[in-house]
Amino acid sequence: MVTEEDYKKILELLNSDDQGELLQKVMLTNTELMENLYDLQEFMEENGLTPEQFHVWKEQKDLRMYH
């Protein structure tokens, strides 16, 4: 799982001169995000959840956070 620390590390690398390390970290983070997305899709399929149900949940979550 990509953590807040991972994102902080990327932001630190943005200000450094070592762009190779930054690119490597961004690619690793992207890979981890893709793996988590595939896990989420598999979880949804195994539990009979649809993309539409996810979108409804997301909209409700956004409304709760807004208010």
N, C-alpha and C. Protein backbone atom coordinates (compact mmCIF):
# COMPACT_ATOMS: atom_id res chain seq x y z
N MET A 1 0.84 -1.17 0.00
CA MET A 1 0.00 0.00 0.00
C MET A 1 0.89 1.24 0.00
N VAL A 2 0.54 2.19 -0.79
CA VAL A 2 1.29 3.44 -0.86
C VAL A 2 0.92 4.28 0.36
N THR A 3 1.93 4.71 1.08
CA THR A 3 1.70 5.45 2.31
C THR A 3 1.99 6.93 2.14
N GLU A 4 1.61 7.68 3.14
CA GLU A 4 1.91 9.11 3.13
C GLU A 4 3.42 9.34 3.10
N GLU A 5 4.16 8.47 3.76
CA GLU A 5 5.62 8.57 3.75
C GLU A 5 6.18 8.42 2.33
N ASP A 6 5.58 7.53 1.54
CA ASP A 6 6.01 7.35 0.16
C ASP A 6 5.83 8.65 -0.62
N TYR A 7 4.69 9.30 -0.43
CA TYR A 7 4.45 10.55 -1.13
C TYR A 7 5.39 11.65 -0.66
N LYS A 8 5.68 11.68 0.64
CA LYS A 8 6.62 12.67 1.16
C LYS A 8 8.00 12.47 0.55
N LYS A 9 8.40 11.21 0.41
CA LYS A 9 9.71 10.90 -0.19
C LYS A 9 9.77 11.40 -1.63
N ILE A 10 8.68 11.20 -2.38
CA ILE A 10 8.64 11.67 -3.76
C ILE A 10 8.76 13.19 -3.81
N LEU A 11 8.04 13.87 -2.92
CA LEU A 11 8.11 15.33 -2.89
C LEU A 11 9.52 15.81 -2.56
N GLU A 12 10.19 15.11 -1.65
CA GLU A 12 11.58 15.45 -1.33
C GLU A 12 12.47 15.27 -2.55
N LEU A 13 12.25 14.20 -3.28
CA LEU A 13 13.07 13.91 -4.46
C LEU A 13 12.84 14.95 -5.56
N LEU A 14 11.64 15.52 -5.60
CA LEU A 14 11.37 16.56 -6.60
C LEU A 14 12.30 17.76 -6.43
N ASN A 15 12.72 18.00 -5.20
CA ASN A 15 13.59 19.14 -4.92
C ASN A 15 15.07 18.78 -4.96
N SER A 16 15.37 17.53 -5.22
CA SER A 16 16.77 17.12 -5.27
C SER A 16 17.30 17.12 -6.70
N ASP A 17 18.58 16.92 -6.80
CA ASP A 17 19.22 16.89 -8.12
C ASP A 17 19.21 15.50 -8.74
N ASP A 18 18.85 14.48 -7.97
CA ASP A 18 18.89 13.10 -8.44
C ASP A 18 17.56 12.72 -9.07
N GLN A 19 17.38 13.05 -10.33
CA GLN A 19 16.14 12.76 -11.02
C GLN A 19 15.97 11.27 -11.31
N GLY A 20 17.06 10.54 -11.37
CA GLY A 20 16.98 9.09 -11.58
C GLY A 20 16.28 8.40 -10.43
N GLU A 21 16.62 8.80 -9.22
CA GLU A 21 15.98 8.22 -8.04
C GLU A 21 14.51 8.60 -7.99
N LEU A 22 14.21 9.83 -8.38
CA LEU A 22 12.82 10.28 -8.42
C LEU A 22 12.01 9.43 -9.40
N LEU A 23 12.53 9.24 -10.59
CA LEU A 23 11.83 8.44 -11.59
C LEU A 23 11.62 7.02 -11.10
N GLN A 24 12.62 6.45 -10.48
CA GLN A 24 12.51 5.09 -9.96
C GLN A 24 11.41 5.02 -8.90
N LYS A 25 11.36 6.00 -8.00
CA LYS A 25 10.36 6.00 -6.94
C LYS A 25 8.95 6.20 -7.51
N VAL A 26 8.82 7.08 -8.50
CA VAL A 26 7.51 7.30 -9.13
C VAL A 26 7.03 6.04 -9.82
N MET A 27 7.92 5.35 -10.52
CA MET A 27 7.55 4.11 -11.20
C MET A 27 7.14 3.04 -10.20
N LEU A 28 7.86 2.93 -9.09
CA LEU A 28 7.53 1.95 -8.06
C LEU A 28 6.16 2.27 -7.46
N THR A 29 5.92 3.54 -7.17
CA THR A 29 4.63 3.95 -6.61
C THR A 29 3.51 3.67 -7.59
N ASN A 30 3.74 3.94 -8.87
CA ASN A 30 2.73 3.67 -9.89
C ASN A 30 2.42 2.17 -9.95
N THR A 31 3.43 1.34 -9.86
CA THR A 31 3.23 -0.10 -9.88
C THR A 31 2.39 -0.55 -8.68
N GLU A 32 2.70 0.00 -7.51
CA GLU A 32 1.95 -0.37 -6.31
C GLU A 32 0.50 0.08 -6.42
N LEU A 33 0.27 1.26 -6.97
CA LEU A 33 -1.10 1.73 -7.16
C LEU A 33 -1.87 0.83 -8.13
N MET A 34 -1.23 0.41 -9.21
CA MET A 34 -1.89 -0.47 -10.17
C MET A 34 -2.23 -1.81 -9.53
N GLU A 35 -1.32 -2.36 -8.73
CA GLU A 35 -1.58 -3.63 -8.05
C GLU A 35 -2.77 -3.49 -7.10
N ASN A 36 -2.84 -2.37 -6.39
CA ASN A 36 -3.97 -2.14 -5.48
C ASN A 36 -5.27 -2.00 -6.25
N LEU A 37 -5.23 -1.39 -7.41
CA LEU A 37 -6.42 -1.24 -8.23
C LEU A 37 -6.91 -2.61 -8.69
N TYR A 38 -6.00 -3.47 -9.12
CA TYR A 38 -6.39 -4.83 -9.53
C TYR A 38 -6.96 -5.60 -8.34
N ASP A 39 -6.38 -5.43 -7.15
CA ASP A 39 -6.91 -6.10 -5.96
C ASP A 39 -8.33 -5.60 -5.66
N LEU A 40 -8.56 -4.31 -5.80
CA LEU A 40 -9.89 -3.75 -5.57
C LEU A 40 -10.90 -4.32 -6.56
N GLN A 41 -10.51 -4.40 -7.84
CA GLN A 41 -11.41 -4.96 -8.84
C GLN A 41 -11.73 -6.42 -8.53
N GLU A 42 -10.73 -7.18 -8.13
CA GLU A 42 -10.95 -8.59 -7.78
C GLU A 42 -11.87 -8.70 -6.57
N PHE A 43 -11.65 -7.86 -5.56
CA PHE A 43 -12.50 -7.85 -4.38
C PHE A 43 -13.95 -7.55 -4.76
N MET A 44 -14.15 -6.56 -5.61
CA MET A 44 -15.50 -6.19 -6.03
C MET A 44 -16.17 -7.34 -6.76
N GLU A 45 -15.45 -7.98 -7.67
CA GLU A 45 -16.01 -9.11 -8.42
C GLU A 45 -16.38 -10.26 -7.49
N GLU A 46 -15.49 -10.59 -6.56
CA GLU A 46 -15.74 -11.71 -5.64
C GLU A 46 -16.92 -11.45 -4.72
N ASN A 47 -17.21 -10.18 -4.45
CA ASN A 47 -18.29 -9.83 -3.54
C ASN A 47 -19.53 -9.33 -4.27
N GLY A 48 -19.56 -9.51 -5.60
CA GLY A 48 -20.73 -9.16 -6.38
C GLY A 48 -21.03 -7.67 -6.44
N LEU A 49 -20.00 -6.85 -6.27
CA LEU A 49 -20.18 -5.40 -6.32
C LEU A 49 -19.94 -4.90 -7.74
N THR A 50 -20.69 -3.89 -8.13
CA THR A 50 -20.58 -3.35 -9.48
C THR A 50 -19.88 -2.00 -9.45
N PRO A 51 -19.34 -1.58 -10.59
CA PRO A 51 -18.74 -0.24 -10.66
C PRO A 51 -19.76 0.84 -10.32
N GLU A 52 -21.03 0.63 -10.69
CA GLU A 52 -22.06 1.61 -10.37
C GLU A 52 -22.23 1.74 -8.86
N GLN A 53 -22.20 0.63 -8.15
CA GLN A 53 -22.30 0.68 -6.69
C GLN A 53 -21.11 1.44 -6.09
N PHE A 54 -19.96 1.24 -6.66
CA PHE A 54 -18.78 1.95 -6.18
C PHE A 54 -18.94 3.45 -6.40
N HIS A 55 -19.42 3.85 -7.57
CA HIS A 55 -19.59 5.27 -7.86
C HIS A 55 -20.61 5.91 -6.92
N VAL A 56 -21.69 5.19 -6.62
CA VAL A 56 -22.69 5.71 -5.67
C VAL A 56 -22.04 5.87 -4.30
N TRP A 57 -21.29 4.88 -3.86
CA TRP A 57 -20.61 4.96 -2.57
C TRP A 57 -19.65 6.14 -2.54
N LYS A 58 -18.91 6.31 -3.63
CA LYS A 58 -17.92 7.41 -3.71
C LYS A 58 -18.62 8.76 -3.63
N GLU A 59 -19.72 8.92 -4.35
CA GLU A 59 -20.46 10.18 -4.31
C GLU A 59 -20.98 10.46 -2.90
N GLN A 60 -21.49 9.42 -2.24
CA GLN A 60 -21.99 9.59 -0.87
C GLN A 60 -20.86 9.95 0.08
N LYS A 61 -19.72 9.33 -0.12
CA LYS A 61 -18.55 9.62 0.71
C LYS A 61 -18.12 11.07 0.50
N ASP A 62 -18.06 11.50 -0.75
CA ASP A 62 -17.67 12.88 -1.04
C ASP A 62 -18.63 13.87 -0.42
N LEU A 63 -19.92 13.56 -0.45
CA LEU A 63 -20.91 14.45 0.16
C LEU A 63 -20.73 14.51 1.68
N ARG A 64 -20.43 13.37 2.31
CA ARG A 64 -20.20 13.36 3.75
C ARG A 64 -18.98 14.19 4.12
N MET A 65 -17.94 14.10 3.30
CA MET A 65 -16.72 14.86 3.57
C MET A 65 -16.94 16.34 3.34
N TYR A 66 -17.77 16.68 2.39
CA TYR A 66 -18.03 18.08 2.05
C TYR A 66 -18.80 18.76 3.18
N HIS A 67 -19.76 18.04 3.75
CA HIS A 67 -20.58 18.63 4.81
C HIS A 67 -19.90 18.37 6.10
